[in-house]
Amino acid sequence: HFIVLFIFPMIVASEFFAPRVAYGY
């Protein structure tokens, strides 16, 4: 279930980069 750890880098990317970059991540 710790596969949910993938969510945390997504939050960071969404906060500091444009949406298209965040969707790329």
PDB file of all heavy atoms in Angstrom:
ATOM      1  N   HIS A   1       0.811  -1.219   0.000  1.00  0.00           N
ATOM      2  CA  HIS A   1       0.000   0.000   0.000  1.00  0.00           C
ATOM      3  C   HIS A   1       0.844   1.269   0.000  1.00  0.00           C
ATOM      4  O   HIS A   1       0.332   2.363  -0.268  1.00  0.00           O
ATOM      5  CB  HIS A   1      -0.934   0.009   1.214  1.00  0.00           C
ATOM      6  CG  HIS A   1      -1.979  -1.060   1.159  1.00  0.00           C
ATOM      7  ND1 HIS A   1      -1.795  -2.311   1.678  1.00  0.00           N
ATOM      8  CD2 HIS A   1      -3.221  -1.071   0.601  1.00  0.00           C
ATOM      9  CE1 HIS A   1      -2.878  -3.054   1.488  1.00  0.00           C
ATOM     10  NE2 HIS A   1      -3.763  -2.320   0.829  1.00  0.00           N
ATOM     11  N   PHE A   2       2.142   1.154   0.314  1.00  0.00           N
ATOM     12  CA  PHE A   2       3.008   2.333   0.308  1.00  0.00           C
ATOM     13  C   PHE A   2       3.283   2.830  -1.103  1.00  0.00           C
ATOM     14  O   PHE A   2       4.035   3.798  -1.277  1.00  0.00           O
ATOM     15  CB  PHE A   2       4.320   2.040   1.031  1.00  0.00           C
ATOM     16  CG  PHE A   2       4.199   2.129   2.521  1.00  0.00           C
ATOM     17  CD1 PHE A   2       4.110   0.992   3.296  1.00  0.00           C
ATOM     18  CD2 PHE A   2       4.151   3.363   3.149  1.00  0.00           C
ATOM     19  CE1 PHE A   2       3.989   1.068   4.668  1.00  0.00           C
ATOM     20  CE2 PHE A   2       4.031   3.460   4.522  1.00  0.00           C
ATOM     21  CZ  PHE A   2       3.948   2.305   5.298  1.00  0.00           C
ATOM     22  N   ILE A   3       2.659   2.220  -2.085  1.00  0.00           N
ATOM     23  CA  ILE A   3       2.759   2.730  -3.449  1.00  0.00           C
ATOM     24  C   ILE A   3       2.152   4.130  -3.556  1.00  0.00           C
ATOM     25  O   ILE A   3       2.424   4.876  -4.498  1.00  0.00           O
ATOM     26  CB  ILE A   3       2.078   1.752  -4.439  1.00  0.00           C
ATOM     27  CG1 ILE A   3       2.544   2.017  -5.875  1.00  0.00           C
ATOM     28  CG2 ILE A   3       0.558   1.824  -4.321  1.00  0.00           C
ATOM     29  CD1 ILE A   3       2.111   0.943  -6.858  1.00  0.00           C
ATOM     30  N   VAL A   4       1.329   4.502  -2.547  1.00  0.00           N
ATOM     31  CA  VAL A   4       0.733   5.852  -2.531  1.00  0.00           C
ATOM     32  C   VAL A   4       1.802   6.928  -2.351  1.00  0.00           C
ATOM     33  O   VAL A   4       1.502   8.128  -2.507  1.00  0.00           O
ATOM     34  CB  VAL A   4      -0.322   5.980  -1.409  1.00  0.00           C
ATOM     35  CG1 VAL A   4      -1.471   5.015  -1.641  1.00  0.00           C
ATOM     36  CG2 VAL A   4       0.298   5.752  -0.039  1.00  0.00           C
ATOM     37  N   LEU A   5       3.044   6.560  -2.016  1.00  0.00           N
ATOM     38  CA  LEU A   5       4.110   7.561  -1.870  1.00  0.00           C
ATOM     39  C   LEU A   5       4.345   8.342  -3.158  1.00  0.00           C
ATOM     40  O   LEU A   5       4.928   9.436  -3.122  1.00  0.00           O
ATOM     41  CB  LEU A   5       5.415   6.879  -1.442  1.00  0.00           C
ATOM     42  CG  LEU A   5       5.442   6.286  -0.018  1.00  0.00           C
ATOM     43  CD1 LEU A   5       6.743   5.514   0.202  1.00  0.00           C
ATOM     44  CD2 LEU A   5       5.296   7.385   1.019  1.00  0.00           C
ATOM     45  N   PHE A   6       3.887   7.795  -4.288  1.00  0.00           N
ATOM     46  CA  PHE A   6       4.032   8.515  -5.555  1.00  0.00           C
ATOM     47  C   PHE A   6       3.261   9.841  -5.544  1.00  0.00           C
ATOM     48  O   PHE A   6       3.546  10.739  -6.354  1.00  0.00           O
ATOM     49  CB  PHE A   6       3.525   7.649  -6.716  1.00  0.00           C
ATOM     50  CG  PHE A   6       4.528   6.661  -7.219  1.00  0.00           C
ATOM     51  CD1 PHE A   6       4.455   5.324  -6.862  1.00  0.00           C
ATOM     52  CD2 PHE A   6       5.561   7.063  -8.052  1.00  0.00           C
ATOM     53  CE1 PHE A   6       5.376   4.409  -7.340  1.00  0.00           C
ATOM     54  CE2 PHE A   6       6.492   6.148  -8.535  1.00  0.00           C
ATOM     55  CZ  PHE A   6       6.402   4.820  -8.174  1.00  0.00           C
ATOM     56  N   ILE A   7       2.309   9.980  -4.664  1.00  0.00           N
ATOM     57  CA  ILE A   7       1.476  11.190  -4.652  1.00  0.00           C
ATOM     58  C   ILE A   7       2.262  12.405  -4.166  1.00  0.00           C
ATOM     59  O   ILE A   7       2.048  13.528  -4.642  1.00  0.00           O
ATOM     60  CB  ILE A   7       0.228  10.955  -3.772  1.00  0.00           C
ATOM     61  CG1 ILE A   7      -0.725   9.994  -4.484  1.00  0.00           C
ATOM     62  CG2 ILE A   7      -0.480  12.265  -3.452  1.00  0.00           C
ATOM     63  CD1 ILE A   7      -1.953   9.643  -3.684  1.00  0.00           C
ATOM     64  N   PHE A   8       3.198  12.218  -3.239  1.00  0.00           N
ATOM     65  CA  PHE A   8       3.877  13.367  -2.624  1.00  0.00           C
ATOM     66  C   PHE A   8       4.723  14.177  -3.609  1.00  0.00           C
ATOM     67  O   PHE A   8       4.663  15.416  -3.602  1.00  0.00           O
ATOM     68  CB  PHE A   8       4.708  12.894  -1.433  1.00  0.00           C
ATOM     69  CG  PHE A   8       3.867  12.386  -0.297  1.00  0.00           C
ATOM     70  CD1 PHE A   8       3.708  11.038  -0.072  1.00  0.00           C
ATOM     71  CD2 PHE A   8       3.198  13.273   0.536  1.00  0.00           C
ATOM     72  CE1 PHE A   8       2.920  10.566   0.952  1.00  0.00           C
ATOM     73  CE2 PHE A   8       2.404  12.821   1.572  1.00  0.00           C
ATOM     74  CZ  PHE A   8       2.255  11.457   1.788  1.00  0.00           C
ATOM     75  N   PRO A   9       5.518  13.549  -4.488  1.00  0.00           N
ATOM     76  CA  PRO A   9       6.221  14.371  -5.497  1.00  0.00           C
ATOM     77  C   PRO A   9       5.272  15.119  -6.418  1.00  0.00           C
ATOM     78  O   PRO A   9       5.612  16.193  -6.939  1.00  0.00           O
ATOM     79  CB  PRO A   9       7.056  13.338  -6.278  1.00  0.00           C
ATOM     80  CG  PRO A   9       7.237  12.199  -5.324  1.00  0.00           C
ATOM     81  CD  PRO A   9       5.968  12.147  -4.544  1.00  0.00           C
ATOM     82  N   MET A  10       4.047  14.572  -6.618  1.00  0.00           N
ATOM     83  CA  MET A  10       3.074  15.262  -7.460  1.00  0.00           C
ATOM     84  C   MET A  10       2.625  16.583  -6.825  1.00  0.00           C
ATOM     85  O   MET A  10       2.430  17.595  -7.509  1.00  0.00           O
ATOM     86  CB  MET A  10       1.849  14.364  -7.692  1.00  0.00           C
ATOM     87  CG  MET A  10       2.122  13.045  -8.405  1.00  0.00           C
ATOM     88  SD  MET A  10       2.873  13.276 -10.026  1.00  0.00           S
ATOM     89  CE  MET A  10       4.611  13.060  -9.632  1.00  0.00           C
ATOM     90  N   ILE A  11       2.456  16.564  -5.507  1.00  0.00           N
ATOM     91  CA  ILE A  11       2.050  17.788  -4.805  1.00  0.00           C
ATOM     92  C   ILE A  11       3.125  18.859  -4.947  1.00  0.00           C
ATOM     93  O   ILE A  11       2.832  20.030  -5.217  1.00  0.00           O
ATOM     94  CB  ILE A  11       1.773  17.476  -3.319  1.00  0.00           C
ATOM     95  CG1 ILE A  11       0.607  16.489  -3.189  1.00  0.00           C
ATOM     96  CG2 ILE A  11       1.478  18.760  -2.547  1.00  0.00           C
ATOM     97  CD1 ILE A  11       0.365  16.008  -1.782  1.00  0.00           C
ATOM     98  N   VAL A  12       4.378  18.451  -4.761  1.00  0.00           N
ATOM     99  CA  VAL A  12       5.486  19.404  -4.884  1.00  0.00           C
ATOM    100  C   VAL A  12       5.564  19.973  -6.301  1.00  0.00           C
ATOM    101  O   VAL A  12       5.702  21.187  -6.498  1.00  0.00           O
ATOM    102  CB  VAL A  12       6.814  18.716  -4.501  1.00  0.00           C
ATOM    103  CG1 VAL A  12       7.992  19.658  -4.764  1.00  0.00           C
ATOM    104  CG2 VAL A  12       6.799  18.293  -3.045  1.00  0.00           C
ATOM    105  N   ALA A  13       5.465  19.108  -7.300  1.00  0.00           N
ATOM    106  CA  ALA A  13       5.538  19.565  -8.693  1.00  0.00           C
ATOM    107  C   ALA A  13       4.390  20.513  -9.021  1.00  0.00           C
ATOM    108  O   ALA A  13       4.575  21.506  -9.741  1.00  0.00           O
ATOM    109  CB  ALA A  13       5.519  18.366  -9.634  1.00  0.00           C
ATOM    110  N   SER A  14       3.202  20.229  -8.513  1.00  0.00           N
ATOM    111  CA  SER A  14       2.035  21.077  -8.796  1.00  0.00           C
ATOM    112  C   SER A  14       2.159  22.443  -8.153  1.00  0.00           C
ATOM    113  O   SER A  14       1.643  23.437  -8.671  1.00  0.00           O
ATOM    114  CB  SER A  14       0.764  20.384  -8.292  1.00  0.00           C
ATOM    115  OG  SER A  14       0.595  19.134  -8.905  1.00  0.00           O
ATOM    116  N   GLU A  15       2.843  22.484  -7.016  1.00  0.00           N
ATOM    117  CA  GLU A  15       2.948  23.750  -6.292  1.00  0.00           C
ATOM    118  C   GLU A  15       3.903  24.724  -6.971  1.00  0.00           C
ATOM    119  O   GLU A  15       3.659  25.930  -6.973  1.00  0.00           O
ATOM    120  CB  GLU A  15       3.408  23.490  -4.853  1.00  0.00           C
ATOM    121  CG  GLU A  15       3.490  24.744  -4.001  1.00  0.00           C
ATOM    122  CD  GLU A  15       3.908  24.460  -2.576  1.00  0.00           C
ATOM    123  OE1 GLU A  15       4.152  23.268  -2.255  1.00  0.00           O
ATOM    124  OE2 GLU A  15       4.013  25.416  -1.797  1.00  0.00           O
ATOM    125  N   PHE A  16       4.963  24.214  -7.558  1.00  0.00           N
ATOM    126  CA  PHE A  16       6.017  25.104  -8.034  1.00  0.00           C
ATOM    127  C   PHE A  16       6.164  25.199  -9.544  1.00  0.00           C
ATOM    128  O   PHE A  16       6.939  26.016 -10.030  1.00  0.00           O
ATOM    129  CB  PHE A  16       7.358  24.685  -7.427  1.00  0.00           C
ATOM    130  CG  PHE A  16       7.401  24.862  -5.937  1.00  0.00           C
ATOM    131  CD1 PHE A  16       7.392  23.768  -5.096  1.00  0.00           C
ATOM    132  CD2 PHE A  16       7.426  26.124  -5.374  1.00  0.00           C
ATOM    133  CE1 PHE A  16       7.421  23.928  -3.721  1.00  0.00           C
ATOM    134  CE2 PHE A  16       7.448  26.293  -4.010  1.00  0.00           C
ATOM    135  CZ  PHE A  16       7.441  25.192  -3.176  1.00  0.00           C
ATOM    136  N   PHE A  17       5.446  24.375 -10.283  1.00  0.00           N
ATOM    137  CA  PHE A  17       5.589  24.409 -11.732  1.00  0.00           C
ATOM    138  C   PHE A  17       4.232  24.587 -12.398  1.00  0.00           C
ATOM    139  O   PHE A  17       3.180  24.360 -11.786  1.00  0.00           O
ATOM    140  CB  PHE A  17       6.264  23.133 -12.236  1.00  0.00           C
ATOM    141  CG  PHE A  17       7.664  22.945 -11.736  1.00  0.00           C
ATOM    142  CD1 PHE A  17       7.962  21.946 -10.827  1.00  0.00           C
ATOM    143  CD2 PHE A  17       8.686  23.781 -12.146  1.00  0.00           C
ATOM    144  CE1 PHE A  17       9.249  21.776 -10.345  1.00  0.00           C
ATOM    145  CE2 PHE A  17       9.975  23.624 -11.672  1.00  0.00           C
ATOM    146  CZ  PHE A  17      10.254  22.619 -10.773  1.00  0.00           C
ATOM    147  N   ALA A  18       4.282  24.984 -13.672  1.00  0.00           N
ATOM    148  CA  ALA A  18       3.058  25.173 -14.446  1.00  0.00           C
ATOM    149  C   ALA A  18       2.324  23.831 -14.562  1.00  0.00           C
ATOM    150  O   ALA A  18       2.934  22.761 -14.477  1.00  0.00           O
ATOM    151  CB  ALA A  18       3.403  25.706 -15.837  1.00  0.00           C
ATOM    152  N   PRO A  19       0.990  23.879 -14.767  1.00  0.00           N
ATOM    153  CA  PRO A  19       0.215  22.632 -14.834  1.00  0.00           C
ATOM    154  C   PRO A  19       0.743  21.639 -15.864  1.00  0.00           C
ATOM    155  O   PRO A  19       0.776  20.431 -15.601  1.00  0.00           O
ATOM    156  CB  PRO A  19      -1.191  23.123 -15.194  1.00  0.00           C
ATOM    157  CG  PRO A  19      -1.265  24.504 -14.621  1.00  0.00           C
ATOM    158  CD  PRO A  19       0.120  25.064 -14.785  1.00  0.00           C
ATOM    159  N   ARG A  20       1.170  22.127 -17.036  1.00  0.00           N
ATOM    160  CA  ARG A  20       1.648  21.183 -18.058  1.00  0.00           C
ATOM    161  C   ARG A  20       2.883  20.437 -17.567  1.00  0.00           C
ATOM    162  O   ARG A  20       3.070  19.252 -17.869  1.00  0.00           O
ATOM    163  CB  ARG A  20       1.951  21.930 -19.360  1.00  0.00           C
ATOM    164  CG  ARG A  20       2.994  23.007 -19.260  1.00  0.00           C
ATOM    165  CD  ARG A  20       3.202  23.734 -20.587  1.00  0.00           C
ATOM    166  NE  ARG A  20       4.200  24.786 -20.478  1.00  0.00           N
ATOM    167  CZ  ARG A  20       5.508  24.583 -20.524  1.00  0.00           C
ATOM    168  NH1 ARG A  20       5.967  23.345 -20.681  1.00  0.00           N
ATOM    169  NH2 ARG A  20       6.363  25.584 -20.418  1.00  0.00           N
ATOM    170  N   VAL A  21       3.754  21.103 -16.798  1.00  0.00           N
ATOM    171  CA  VAL A  21       4.931  20.434 -16.239  1.00  0.00           C
ATOM    172  C   VAL A  21       4.509  19.431 -15.175  1.00  0.00           C
ATOM    173  O   VAL A  21       5.017  18.305 -15.127  1.00  0.00           O
ATOM    174  CB  VAL A  21       5.912  21.466 -15.650  1.00  0.00           C
ATOM    175  CG1 VAL A  21       7.120  20.770 -15.022  1.00  0.00           C
ATOM    176  CG2 VAL A  21       6.372  22.445 -16.723  1.00  0.00           C
ATOM    177  N   ALA A  22       3.562  19.837 -14.332  1.00  0.00           N
ATOM    178  CA  ALA A  22       3.087  18.935 -13.276  1.00  0.00           C
ATOM    179  C   ALA A  22       2.424  17.695 -13.879  1.00  0.00           C
ATOM    180  O   ALA A  22       2.634  16.571 -13.395  1.00  0.00           O
ATOM    181  CB  ALA A  22       2.114  19.670 -12.363  1.00  0.00           C
ATOM    182  N   TYR A  23       1.627  17.883 -14.948  1.00  0.00           N
ATOM    183  CA  TYR A  23       1.016  16.722 -15.608  1.00  0.00           C
ATOM    184  C   TYR A  23       2.086  15.847 -16.269  1.00  0.00           C
ATOM    185  O   TYR A  23       1.913  14.625 -16.382  1.00  0.00           O
ATOM    186  CB  TYR A  23      -0.015  17.178 -16.639  1.00  0.00           C
ATOM    187  CG  TYR A  23      -1.338  17.561 -16.019  1.00  0.00           C
ATOM    188  CD1 TYR A  23      -1.800  18.875 -16.063  1.00  0.00           C
ATOM    189  CD2 TYR A  23      -2.135  16.604 -15.396  1.00  0.00           C
ATOM    190  CE1 TYR A  23      -3.003  19.235 -15.487  1.00  0.00           C
ATOM    191  CE2 TYR A  23      -3.353  16.958 -14.821  1.00  0.00           C
ATOM    192  CZ  TYR A  23      -3.781  18.276 -14.862  1.00  0.00           C
ATOM    193  OH  TYR A  23      -4.979  18.625 -14.291  1.00  0.00           O
ATOM    194  N   GLY A  24       3.168  16.438 -16.704  1.00  0.00           N
ATOM    195  CA  GLY A  24       4.269  15.655 -17.230  1.00  0.00           C
ATOM    196  C   GLY A  24       4.859  14.743 -16.164  1.00  0.00           C
ATOM    197  O   GLY A  24       5.160  13.560 -16.421  1.00  0.00           O
ATOM    198  N   TYR A  25       4.987  15.289 -14.955  1.00  0.00           N
ATOM    199  CA  TYR A  25       5.475  14.454 -13.852  1.00  0.00           C
ATOM    200  C   TYR A  25       4.449  13.389 -13.468  1.00  0.00           C
ATOM    201  O   TYR A  25       4.822  12.272 -13.066  1.00  0.00           O
ATOM    202  CB  TYR A  25       5.823  15.326 -12.646  1.00  0.00           C
ATOM    203  CG  TYR A  25       7.178  15.975 -12.766  1.00  0.00           C
ATOM    204  CD1 TYR A  25       7.323  17.352 -12.750  1.00  0.00           C
ATOM    205  CD2 TYR A  25       8.321  15.203 -12.908  1.00  0.00           C
ATOM    206  CE1 TYR A  25       8.561  17.948 -12.864  1.00  0.00           C
ATOM    207  CE2 TYR A  25       9.570  15.784 -13.027  1.00  0.00           C
ATOM    208  CZ  TYR A  25       9.685  17.156 -13.005  1.00  0.00           C
ATOM    209  OH  TYR A  25      10.926  17.733 -13.139  1.00  0.00           O
TER     210      TYR A  25
END
